[in-house]
Amino acid sequence: MNRKHLLWILPAFAAVVIATTFHLIPTRKNELSLRLKWLYDPGFAGEMVADRRGLFEQNGITLAIRPGGFESDPIKLVSNGSDTFGVAGADSFLLARSKGIPIVAFAAGYIETPVVFYSREEANIVTPSDWKGKRIGVQAGQDTETIYKVLLNAAGLTKNDVVEVPVKYDFSPFLHGDVDVWPGYAATQSYILHEKGIPYRTVVPSERGVKYVGTVYFTTETVMNDHPEWIEAFIKSLIAGWEFTYDHEPEAIVAISSFDEATLTPALVKWNLDKQRESIKPPDRHFCQFKQSDFEAMQQILLQQELLREPLDLSKAIQEQFLTRIYK
């Protein structure tokens, strides 16, 4: 390698090292980021609308919203400092915490799980008791599987009473009639069925007494201890985003669609907002407002299903003080 090439490479290498080092722990307001659980979706409407309306800046922070995906695990990316905040399934959060990952939840997205179990109307499946002898789609390792097992047990059934069919996220097996019951989410698959004109029924876990938080917003213990003002500003912006979404829905739909106009059509966004509303804001709650009792109930389910070996200290894992102060 000649001297000319070396003089060019060294500064570039130094720049990469510096950039890599300093993005791990945010040091300035314009370096904050939020990693979503999945791709851009109306389930993240609060933060998406807050972004488009400049609400984060109004509260003193600048935030980059980054989509999640199979290769972009929010828990991993927040815990290693690549992102400041994350959105994850509440059960995944608790399981990560049980493994010693120092993350803390400070707000909820879906206060109640959006998981539902679909069947065609003609199958006349009304309750989990009607699952006996039916082909049930099971997504191994997902929240849908955990909730399915709880409902099955509550109905006095065992896996020997049904035909379990391993499925992933592709909805085709249900559309093609290969399974009788599909584990899905309240807004996502219902829009497809609506568009195709297929009459359907759903079994809703909360209507069967299953208390299960859907998603949580979280950060590291380090960020919480060193920069609580970031968390408070983030939550205020998020709440304002959700309030605007449901108070000014036509404008919110435009803002949400702008993240992915090809996929997030106005019709799909409106459908999702309507279907998810009660999971995002149950009648007795404010936006983002969870309670420790919600997590106590969910933790009991995880213990019963032997996903957790022992109870967690929820007073350290769940931090309600930010929401309490904001809503006081």
Foldseek 3Di string as FASTA:
>chain_A
DDPVVVVVVVVVVVVVVVVVVAQLAPDDQQSAEEEEQAAQDLLQLLVLLLQVVVLLVVLPHHYHYHGAHPVRHRLVCQLRRNHFKYKDFPVVLVLVVLVVRFKAFAFASQQFAQKKKKFFVVLVDDALLSQFAFEEEAAPPDPLNLLNCVRCVVSVHDCVRHHYDYDHPDPVCRVVVVGGMYIDGQQPVVVVCVVVVTHMDIGGSVVVVQQGGTMTMMHGPVCCVPPVSSVLSVVVSSLVSVVCCVVVVVVSLVSSCVSPVVPSPSVSSVSRCVRSVCSQPPPVDGGRDYDVVSVVSVQVSCVVVVVRVDDDPNPSRYDHVSVVVVVD
